């Protein structure tokens, strides 16, 4: 039996009538340009009564990280992280 994963972060506040799922490499607390773009789109969606769930790359692996950005995540949003595992080819290339 599988268990439901707990979100990395859940924004306080009410949820919209509809939910959307975003799968992205970057979303806050990452401060990368792509993350900020998705954050603004999520805010616009919330204004239209949508709540967003985000599956993102584990932010501990993000080059840029800004915890303050979590305060701008729309109400009711849930963020789920997926850890990044380095494959052998990446380890060889890094060396």
PDB file of N, CA and C in Angstrom:
ATOM      1  N   UNK A   1       0.836  -1.163   0.000  1.00  0.00           N
ATOM      2  CA  UNK A   1       0.000   0.000   0.000  1.00  0.00           C
ATOM      3  C   UNK A   1       0.892   1.240   0.000  1.00  0.00           C
ATOM      4  N   UNK A   2       0.587   2.196  -0.848  1.00  0.00           N
ATOM      5  CA  UNK A   2       1.393   3.415  -0.905  1.00  0.00           C
ATOM      6  C   UNK A   2       0.743   4.506  -0.060  1.00  0.00           C
ATOM      7  N   UNK A   3       1.569   5.389   0.424  1.00  0.00           N
ATOM      8  CA  UNK A   3       1.046   6.501   1.213  1.00  0.00           C
ATOM      9  C   UNK A   3       1.082   7.771   0.374  1.00  0.00           C
ATOM     10  N   UNK A   4       0.240   8.685   0.727  1.00  0.00           N
ATOM     11  CA  UNK A   4       0.188   9.969   0.025  1.00  0.00           C
ATOM     12  C   UNK A   4       1.345  10.821   0.531  1.00  0.00           C
ATOM     13  N   UNK A   5       2.166  11.362  -0.384  1.00  0.00           N
ATOM     14  CA  UNK A   5       3.311  12.167   0.069  1.00  0.00           C
ATOM     15  C   UNK A   5       2.847  13.480   0.697  1.00  0.00           C
ATOM     16  N   UNK A   6       3.579  13.910   1.686  1.00  0.00           N
ATOM     17  CA  UNK A   6       3.297  15.195   2.321  1.00  0.00           C
ATOM     18  C   UNK A   6       3.931  16.299   1.492  1.00  0.00           C
ATOM     19  N   UNK A   7       3.255  17.422   1.356  1.00  0.00           N
ATOM     20  CA  UNK A   7       3.861  18.517   0.589  1.00  0.00           C
ATOM     21  C   UNK A   7       5.084  19.092   1.303  1.00  0.00           C
ATOM     22  N   UNK A   8       6.010  19.574   0.501  1.00  0.00           N
ATOM     23  CA  UNK A   8       7.174  20.302   1.015  1.00  0.00           C
ATOM     24  C   UNK A   8       6.698  21.579   1.697  1.00  0.00           C
ATOM     25  N   UNK A   9       5.668  22.203   1.111  1.00  0.00           N
ATOM     26  CA  UNK A   9       5.137  23.476   1.619  1.00  0.00           C
ATOM     27  C   UNK A   9       3.672  23.580   1.224  1.00  0.00           C
ATOM     28  N   UNK A  10       2.866  24.101   2.125  1.00  0.00           N
ATOM     29  CA  UNK A  10       1.461  24.373   1.828  1.00  0.00           C
ATOM     30  C   UNK A  10       1.195  25.815   2.215  1.00  0.00           C
ATOM     31  N   UNK A  11       0.804  26.618   1.242  1.00  0.00           N
ATOM     32  CA  UNK A  11       0.549  28.033   1.500  1.00  0.00           C
ATOM     33  C   UNK A  11      -0.732  28.177   2.309  1.00  0.00           C
ATOM     34  N   UNK A  12      -0.704  28.982   3.353  1.00  0.00           N
ATOM     35  CA  UNK A  12      -1.916  29.170   4.143  1.00  0.00           C
ATOM     36  C   UNK A  12      -2.976  29.909   3.333  1.00  0.00           C
ATOM     37  N   UNK A  13      -4.216  29.665   3.678  1.00  0.00           N
ATOM     38  CA  UNK A  13      -5.312  30.386   3.039  1.00  0.00           C
ATOM     39  C   UNK A  13      -6.259  29.452   2.307  1.00  0.00           C
ATOM     40  N   UNK A  14      -7.355  30.022   1.823  1.00  0.00           N
ATOM     41  CA  UNK A  14      -8.378  29.220   1.157  1.00  0.00           C
ATOM     42  C   UNK A  14      -7.937  28.760  -0.232  1.00  0.00           C
ATOM     43  N   UNK A  15      -8.542  27.676  -0.684  1.00  0.00           N
ATOM     44  CA  UNK A  15      -8.260  27.185  -2.031  1.00  0.00           C
ATOM     45  C   UNK A  15      -9.352  27.661  -2.979  1.00  0.00           C
ATOM     46  N   UNK A  16      -9.029  27.681  -4.253  1.00  0.00           N
ATOM     47  CA  UNK A  16     -10.004  28.049  -5.268  1.00  0.00           C
ATOM     48  C   UNK A  16     -10.946  26.891  -5.555  1.00  0.00           C
ATOM     49  N   UNK A  17     -11.930  27.132  -6.406  1.00  0.00           N
ATOM     50  CA  UNK A  17     -12.895  26.083  -6.755  1.00  0.00           C
ATOM     51  C   UNK A  17     -12.263  25.014  -7.630  1.00  0.00           C
ATOM     52  N   UNK A  18     -11.220  25.383  -8.359  1.00  0.00           N
ATOM     53  CA  UNK A  18     -10.563  24.443  -9.278  1.00  0.00           C
ATOM     54  C   UNK A  18      -9.092  24.339  -8.914  1.00  0.00           C
ATOM     55  N   UNK A  19      -8.501  23.186  -9.256  1.00  0.00           N
ATOM     56  CA  UNK A  19      -7.072  22.981  -8.999  1.00  0.00           C
ATOM     57  C   UNK A  19      -6.378  22.675 -10.308  1.00  0.00           C
ATOM     58  N   UNK A  20      -5.133  23.114 -10.413  1.00  0.00           N
ATOM     59  CA  UNK A  20      -4.312  22.761 -11.570  1.00  0.00           C
ATOM     60  C   UNK A  20      -2.999  22.180 -11.068  1.00  0.00           C
ATOM     61  N   UNK A  21      -2.398  21.351 -11.908  1.00  0.00           N
ATOM     62  CA  UNK A  21      -1.131  20.722 -11.582  1.00  0.00           C
ATOM     63  C   UNK A  21      -0.048  21.281 -12.480  1.00  0.00           C
ATOM     64  N   UNK A  22       1.032  21.718 -11.881  1.00  0.00           N
ATOM     65  CA  UNK A  22       2.196  22.210 -12.610  1.00  0.00           C
ATOM     66  C   UNK A  22       3.367  21.297 -12.283  1.00  0.00           C
ATOM     67  N   UNK A  23       4.019  20.800 -13.302  1.00  0.00           N
ATOM     68  CA  UNK A  23       5.248  20.027 -13.133  1.00  0.00           C
ATOM     69  C   UNK A  23       6.364  20.882 -13.715  1.00  0.00           C
ATOM     70  N   UNK A  24       7.302  21.295 -12.876  1.00  0.00           N
ATOM     71  CA  UNK A  24       8.327  22.238 -13.306  1.00  0.00           C
ATOM     72  C   UNK A  24       9.651  21.926 -12.622  1.00  0.00           C
ATOM     73  N   UNK A  25      10.716  22.201 -13.323  1.00  0.00           N
ATOM     74  CA  UNK A  25      12.048  22.044 -12.736  1.00  0.00           C
ATOM     75  C   UNK A  25      12.250  23.080 -11.634  1.00  0.00           C
ATOM     76  N   UNK A  26      11.672  24.253 -11.805  1.00  0.00           N
ATOM     77  CA  UNK A  26      11.908  25.324 -10.849  1.00  0.00           C
ATOM     78  C   UNK A  26      10.605  26.008 -10.447  1.00  0.00           C
ATOM     79  N   UNK A  27      10.470  26.241  -9.163  1.00  0.00           N
ATOM     80  CA  UNK A  27       9.359  26.997  -8.575  1.00  0.00           C
ATOM     81  C   UNK A  27       9.866  27.441  -7.208  1.00  0.00           C
ATOM     82  N   UNK A  28       9.379  28.558  -6.675  1.00  0.00           N
ATOM     83  CA  UNK A  28       9.871  28.985  -5.369  1.00  0.00           C
ATOM     84  C   UNK A  28       9.832  27.858  -4.343  1.00  0.00           C
ATOM     85  N   UNK A  29      10.863  27.753  -3.513  1.00  0.00           N
ATOM     86  CA  UNK A  29      11.794  28.799  -3.108  1.00  0.00           C
ATOM     87  C   UNK A  29      12.991  29.021  -4.024  1.00  0.00           C
ATOM     88  N   UNK A  30      13.022  28.405  -5.185  1.00  0.00           N
ATOM     89  CA  UNK A  30      14.083  28.707  -6.138  1.00  0.00           C
ATOM     90  C   UNK A  30      13.864  30.122  -6.672  1.00  0.00           C
ATOM     91  N   UNK A  31      14.939  30.893  -6.787  1.00  0.00           N
ATOM     92  CA  UNK A  31      14.850  32.265  -7.283  1.00  0.00           C
ATOM     93  C   UNK A  31      15.255  32.360  -8.753  1.00  0.00           C
ATOM     94  N   UNK A  32      15.287  31.217  -9.442  1.00  0.00           N
ATOM     95  CA  UNK A  32      15.632  31.228 -10.860  1.00  0.00           C
ATOM     96  C   UNK A  32      14.524  31.941 -11.654  1.00  0.00           C
ATOM     97  N   UNK A  33      14.870  32.487 -12.796  1.00  0.00           N
ATOM     98  CA  UNK A  33      13.920  33.238 -13.614  1.00  0.00           C
ATOM     99  C   UNK A  33      12.689  32.391 -13.941  1.00  0.00           C
ATOM    100  N   UNK A  34      12.888  31.145 -14.320  1.00  0.00           N
ATOM    101  CA  UNK A  34      11.756  30.282 -14.650  1.00  0.00           C
ATOM    102  C   UNK A  34      10.829  30.064 -13.472  1.00  0.00           C
ATOM    103  N   UNK A  35      11.384  29.974 -12.273  1.00  0.00           N
ATOM    104  CA  UNK A  35      10.569  29.794 -11.069  1.00  0.00           C
ATOM    105  C   UNK A  35       9.713  31.013 -10.813  1.00  0.00           C
ATOM    106  N   UNK A  36      10.286  32.182 -10.981  1.00  0.00           N
ATOM    107  CA  UNK A  36       9.549  33.424 -10.745  1.00  0.00           C
ATOM    108  C   UNK A  36       8.440  33.605 -11.779  1.00  0.00           C
ATOM    109  N   UNK A  37       8.698  33.184 -12.995  1.00  0.00           N
ATOM    110  CA  UNK A  37       7.680  33.266 -14.051  1.00  0.00           C
ATOM    111  C   UNK A  37       6.469  32.413 -13.669  1.00  0.00           C
ATOM    112  N   UNK A  38       6.708  31.170 -13.249  1.00  0.00           N
ATOM    113  CA  UNK A  38       5.608  30.288 -12.846  1.00  0.00           C
ATOM    114  C   UNK A  38       4.878  30.828 -11.626  1.00  0.00           C
ATOM    115  N   UNK A  39       5.607  31.449 -10.728  1.00  0.00           N
ATOM    116  CA  UNK A  39       4.973  32.008  -9.538  1.00  0.00           C
ATOM    117  C   UNK A  39       3.976  33.102  -9.924  1.00  0.00           C
ATOM    118  N   UNK A  40       4.345  33.955 -10.855  1.00  0.00           N
ATOM    119  CA  UNK A  40       3.445  35.032 -11.303  1.00  0.00           C
ATOM    120  C   UNK A  40       2.233  34.456 -12.025  1.00  0.00           C
ATOM    121  N   UNK A  41       2.434  33.410 -12.820  1.00  0.00           N
ATOM    122  CA  UNK A  41       1.310  32.756 -13.508  1.00  0.00           C
ATOM    123  C   UNK A  41       0.374  32.131 -12.472  1.00  0.00           C
ATOM    124  N   UNK A  42       0.929  31.523 -11.433  1.00  0.00           N
ATOM    125  CA  UNK A  42       0.107  30.923 -10.373  1.00  0.00           C
ATOM    126  C   UNK A  42      -0.714  31.987  -9.650  1.00  0.00           C
ATOM    127  N   UNK A  43      -0.139  33.162  -9.440  1.00  0.00           N
ATOM    128  CA  UNK A  43      -0.881  34.250  -8.801  1.00  0.00           C
ATOM    129  C   UNK A  43      -2.036  34.714  -9.682  1.00  0.00           C
ATOM    130  N   UNK A  44      -1.804  34.797 -10.992  1.00  0.00           N
ATOM    131  CA  UNK A  44      -2.869  35.177 -11.920  1.00  0.00           C
ATOM    132  C   UNK A  44      -3.967  34.112 -11.946  1.00  0.00           C
ATOM    133  N   UNK A  45      -3.578  32.846 -11.889  1.00  0.00           N
ATOM    134  CA  UNK A  45      -4.562  31.755 -11.863  1.00  0.00           C
ATOM    135  C   UNK A  45      -5.392  31.824 -10.582  1.00  0.00           C
ATOM    136  N   UNK A  46      -4.745  32.127  -9.459  1.00  0.00           N
ATOM    137  CA  UNK A  46      -5.472  32.235  -8.194  1.00  0.00           C
ATOM    138  C   UNK A  46      -6.521  33.348  -8.266  1.00  0.00           C
ATOM    139  N   UNK A  47      -6.182  34.430  -8.929  1.00  0.00           N
ATOM    140  CA  UNK A  47      -7.135  35.534  -9.089  1.00  0.00           C
ATOM    141  C   UNK A  47      -8.368  35.100  -9.889  1.00  0.00           C
ATOM    142  N   UNK A  48      -8.241  34.011 -10.643  1.00  0.00           N
ATOM    143  CA  UNK A  48      -9.352  33.472 -11.438  1.00  0.00           C
ATOM    144  C   UNK A  48      -9.939  32.208 -10.792  1.00  0.00           C
ATOM    145  N   UNK A  49      -9.711  32.065  -9.469  1.00  0.00           N
ATOM    146  CA  UNK A  49     -10.278  30.991  -8.651  1.00  0.00           C
ATOM    147  C   UNK A  49      -9.667  29.617  -8.905  1.00  0.00           C
ATOM    148  N   UNK A  50      -8.410  29.579  -9.298  1.00  0.00           N
ATOM    149  CA  UNK A  50      -7.666  28.321  -9.438  1.00  0.00           C
ATOM    150  C   UNK A  50      -6.661  28.234  -8.303  1.00  0.00           C
ATOM    151  N   UNK A  51      -6.451  27.021  -7.814  1.00  0.00           N
ATOM    152  CA  UNK A  51      -5.390  26.755  -6.842  1.00  0.00           C
ATOM    153  C   UNK A  51      -4.409  25.802  -7.509  1.00  0.00           C
ATOM    154  N   UNK A  52      -3.141  25.997  -7.238  1.00  0.00           N
ATOM    155  CA  UNK A  52      -2.109  25.237  -7.938  1.00  0.00           C
ATOM    156  C   UNK A  52      -1.429  24.230  -7.012  1.00  0.00           C
ATOM    157  N   UNK A  53      -1.165  23.069  -7.562  1.00  0.00           N
ATOM    158  CA  UNK A  53      -0.295  22.076  -6.935  1.00  0.00           C
ATOM    159  C   UNK A  53       0.931  21.988  -7.826  1.00  0.00           C
ATOM    160  N   UNK A  54       2.111  21.994  -7.224  1.00  0.00           N
ATOM    161  CA  UNK A  54       3.355  22.017  -7.996  1.00  0.00           C
ATOM    162  C   UNK A  54       4.224  20.823  -7.632  1.00  0.00           C
ATOM    163  N   UNK A  55       4.676  20.111  -8.641  1.00  0.00           N
ATOM    164  CA  UNK A  55       5.697  19.083  -8.461  1.00  0.00           C
ATOM    165  C   UNK A  55       6.977  19.695  -9.013  1.00  0.00           C
ATOM    166  N   UNK A  56       7.990  19.829  -8.159  1.00  0.00           N
ATOM    167  CA  UNK A  56       9.210  20.520  -8.550  1.00  0.00           C
ATOM    168  C   UNK A  56      10.444  19.734  -8.130  1.00  0.00           C
ATOM    169  N   UNK A  57      11.550  20.084  -8.712  1.00  0.00           N
ATOM    170  CA  UNK A  57      12.835  19.490  -8.332  1.00  0.00           C
ATOM    171  C   UNK A  57      13.143  19.931  -6.913  1.00  0.00           C
ATOM    172  N   UNK A  58      13.680  19.028  -6.125  1.00  0.00           N
ATOM    173  CA  UNK A  58      14.028  19.308  -4.741  1.00  0.00           C
ATOM    174  C   UNK A  58      14.771  20.636  -4.635  1.00  0.00           C
ATOM    175  N   UNK A  59      14.194  21.639  -3.954  1.00  0.00           N
ATOM    176  CA  UNK A  59      14.837  22.959  -3.907  1.00  0.00           C
ATOM    177  C   UNK A  59      16.170  22.984  -3.177  1.00  0.00           C
ATOM    178  N   UNK A  60      16.518  21.937  -2.446  1.00  0.00           N
ATOM    179  CA  UNK A  60      17.839  21.911  -1.822  1.00  0.00           C
ATOM    180  C   UNK A  60      18.912  21.790  -2.894  1.00  0.00           C
ATOM    181  N   UNK A  61      18.514  21.342  -4.111  1.00  0.00           N
ATOM    182  CA  UNK A  61      19.449  21.233  -5.218  1.00  0.00           C
ATOM    183  C   UNK A  61      19.484  22.498  -6.083  1.00  0.00           C
ATOM    184  N   UNK A  62      18.666  23.473  -5.766  1.00  0.00           N
ATOM    185  CA  UNK A  62      18.599  24.697  -6.565  1.00  0.00           C
ATOM    186  C   UNK A  62      19.859  25.534  -6.373  1.00  0.00           C
ATOM    187  N   UNK A  63      20.322  26.096  -7.463  1.00  0.00           N
ATOM    188  CA  UNK A  63      21.480  26.975  -7.404  1.00  0.00           C
ATOM    189  C   UNK A  63      21.152  28.229  -6.601  1.00  0.00           C
ATOM    190  N   UNK A  64      19.988  28.771  -6.858  1.00  0.00           N
ATOM    191  CA  UNK A  64      19.520  29.960  -6.144  1.00  0.00           C
ATOM    192  C   UNK A  64      18.348  29.561  -5.265  1.00  0.00           C
ATOM    193  N   UNK A  65      18.355  29.996  -4.030  1.00  0.00           N
ATOM    194  CA  UNK A  65      17.264  29.656  -3.110  1.00  0.00           C
ATOM    195  C   UNK A  65      16.937  30.877  -2.262  1.00  0.00           C
ATOM    196  N   UNK A  66      15.658  31.228  -2.194  1.00  0.00           N
ATOM    197  CA  UNK A  66      15.223  32.374  -1.413  1.00  0.00           C
ATOM    198  C   UNK A  66      13.926  31.997  -0.696  1.00  0.00           C
ATOM    199  N   UNK A  67      14.021  31.669   0.571  1.00  0.00           N
ATOM    200  CA  UNK A  67      12.864  31.225   1.355  1.00  0.00           C
ATOM    201  C   UNK A  67      11.773  32.294   1.423  1.00  0.00           C
ATOM    202  N   UNK A  68      12.142  33.563   1.277  1.00  0.00           N
ATOM    203  CA  UNK A  68      11.142  34.641   1.330  1.00  0.00           C
ATOM    204  C   UNK A  68      10.124  34.524   0.206  1.00  0.00           C
ATOM    205  N   UNK A  69      10.513  33.876  -0.894  1.00  0.00           N
ATOM    206  CA  UNK A  69       9.589  33.726  -2.020  1.00  0.00           C
ATOM    207  C   UNK A  69       8.384  32.858  -1.665  1.00  0.00           C
ATOM    208  N   UNK A  70       8.511  32.022  -0.655  1.00  0.00           N
ATOM    209  CA  UNK A  70       7.385  31.182  -0.250  1.00  0.00           C
ATOM    210  C   UNK A  70       6.213  32.022   0.257  1.00  0.00           C
ATOM    211  N   UNK A  71       6.477  33.233   0.734  1.00  0.00           N
ATOM    212  CA  UNK A  71       5.410  34.116   1.215  1.00  0.00           C
ATOM    213  C   UNK A  71       4.568  34.660   0.058  1.00  0.00           C
ATOM    214  N   UNK A  72       5.051  34.519  -1.171  1.00  0.00           N
ATOM    215  CA  UNK A  72       4.323  34.997  -2.344  1.00  0.00           C
ATOM    216  C   UNK A  72       3.608  33.876  -3.100  1.00  0.00           C
ATOM    217  N   UNK A  73       3.732  32.649  -2.593  1.00  0.00           N
ATOM    218  CA  UNK A  73       3.022  31.527  -3.210  1.00  0.00           C
ATOM    219  C   UNK A  73       1.536  31.733  -2.942  1.00  0.00           C
ATOM    220  N   UNK A  74       0.679  31.569  -3.950  1.00  0.00           N
ATOM    221  CA  UNK A  74      -0.760  31.824  -3.767  1.00  0.00           C
ATOM    222  C   UNK A  74      -1.382  30.950  -2.671  1.00  0.00           C
ATOM    223  N   UNK A  75      -2.412  31.459  -2.009  1.00  0.00           N
ATOM    224  CA  UNK A  75      -3.077  30.715  -0.936  1.00  0.00           C
ATOM    225  C   UNK A  75      -3.542  29.330  -1.381  1.00  0.00           C
ATOM    226  N   UNK A  76      -3.376  28.364  -0.488  1.00  0.00           N
ATOM    227  CA  UNK A  76      -3.837  27.010  -0.740  1.00  0.00           C
ATOM    228  C   UNK A  76      -2.929  26.172  -1.616  1.00  0.00           C
ATOM    229  N   UNK A  77      -1.907  26.782  -2.194  1.00  0.00           N
ATOM    230  CA  UNK A  77      -0.999  26.045  -3.079  1.00  0.00           C
ATOM    231  C   UNK A  77      -0.222  25.001  -2.288  1.00  0.00           C
ATOM    232  N   UNK A  78       0.035  23.863  -2.926  1.00  0.00           N
ATOM    233  CA  UNK A  78       0.835  22.806  -2.315  1.00  0.00           C
ATOM    234  C   UNK A  78       2.028  22.528  -3.214  1.00  0.00           C
ATOM    235  N   UNK A  79       3.211  22.465  -2.603  1.00  0.00           N
ATOM    236  CA  UNK A  79       4.446  22.202  -3.339  1.00  0.00           C
ATOM    237  C   UNK A  79       4.981  20.832  -2.936  1.00  0.00           C
ATOM    238  N   UNK A  80       5.225  19.993  -3.926  1.00  0.00           N
ATOM    239  CA  UNK A  80       5.776  18.655  -3.697  1.00  0.00           C
ATOM    240  C   UNK A  80       7.141  18.596  -4.371  1.00  0.00           C
ATOM    241  N   UNK A  81       8.140  18.115  -3.640  1.00  0.00           N
ATOM    242  CA  UNK A  81       9.495  18.062  -4.188  1.00  0.00           C
ATOM    243  C   UNK A  81       9.865  16.647  -4.593  1.00  0.00           C
ATOM    244  N   UNK A  82      10.689  16.578  -5.625  1.00  0.00           N
ATOM    245  CA  UNK A  82      11.233  15.319  -6.126  1.00  0.00           C
ATOM    246  C   UNK A  82      12.751  15.444  -6.056  1.00  0.00           C
ATOM    247  N   UNK A  83      13.414  14.559  -5.319  1.00  0.00           N
ATOM    248  CA  UNK A  83      14.874  14.672  -5.224  1.00  0.00           C
ATOM    249  C   UNK A  83      15.543  14.352  -6.565  1.00  0.00           C
ATOM    250  N   UNK A  84      16.670  14.986  -6.784  1.00  0.00           N
ATOM    251  CA  UNK A  84      17.442  14.756  -7.997  1.00  0.00           C
ATOM    252  C   UNK A  84      18.581  13.810  -7.645  1.00  0.00           C
ATOM    253  N   UNK A  85      18.695  12.749  -8.401  1.00  0.00           N
ATOM    254  CA  UNK A  85      19.776  11.791  -8.186  1.00  0.00           C
ATOM    255  C   UNK A  85      20.737  11.882  -9.367  1.00  0.00           C
ATOM    256  N   UNK A  86      21.980  12.075  -9.061  1.00  0.00           N
ATOM    257  CA  UNK A  86      23.003  12.172 -10.091  1.00  0.00           C
ATOM    258  C   UNK A  86      23.266  10.785 -10.680  1.00  0.00           C
ATOM    259  N   UNK A  87      23.250  10.697 -11.989  1.00  0.00           N
ATOM    260  CA  UNK A  87      23.535   9.424 -12.639  1.00  0.00           C
ATOM    261  C   UNK A  87      25.043   9.305 -12.885  1.00  0.00           C
ATOM    262  N   UNK A  88      25.493   8.109 -13.174  1.00  0.00           N
ATOM    263  CA  UNK A  88      26.927   7.847 -13.329  1.00  0.00           C
ATOM    264  C   UNK A  88      27.562   8.772 -14.370  1.00  0.00           C
ATOM    265  N   UNK A  89      26.893   8.986 -15.487  1.00  0.00           N
ATOM    266  CA  UNK A  89      27.440   9.847 -16.540  1.00  0.00           C
ATOM    267  C   UNK A  89      27.674  11.276 -16.024  1.00  0.00           C
ATOM    268  N   UNK A  90      26.795  11.762 -15.175  1.00  0.00           N
ATOM    269  CA  UNK A  90      26.959  13.109 -14.619  1.00  0.00           C
ATOM    270  C   UNK A  90      28.147  13.147 -13.659  1.00  0.00           C
ATOM    271  N   UNK A  91      28.329  12.105 -12.857  1.00  0.00           N
ATOM    272  CA  UNK A  91      29.472  12.071 -11.940  1.00  0.00           C
ATOM    273  C   UNK A  91      30.778  12.054 -12.714  1.00  0.00           C
ATOM    274  N   UNK A  92      30.834  11.279 -13.781  1.00  0.00           N
ATOM    275  CA  UNK A  92      32.036  11.195 -14.621  1.00  0.00           C
ATOM    276  C   UNK A  92      32.316  12.546 -15.257  1.00  0.00           C
ATOM    277  N   UNK A  93      31.283  13.181 -15.786  1.00  0.00           N
ATOM    278  CA  UNK A  93      31.445  14.487 -16.432  1.00  0.00           C
ATOM    279  C   UNK A  93      31.928  15.535 -15.440  1.00  0.00           C
ATOM    280  N   UNK A  94      31.404  15.509 -14.225  1.00  0.00           N
ATOM    281  CA  UNK A  94      31.793  16.463 -13.197  1.00  0.00           C
ATOM    282  C   UNK A  94      33.260  16.317 -12.821  1.00  0.00           C
ATOM    283  N   UNK A  95      33.760  15.084 -12.823  1.00  0.00           N
ATOM    284  CA  UNK A  95      35.164  14.834 -12.483  1.00  0.00           C
ATOM    285  C   UNK A  95      36.052  15.278 -13.588  1.00  0.00           C
TER     286      UNK A  95
END
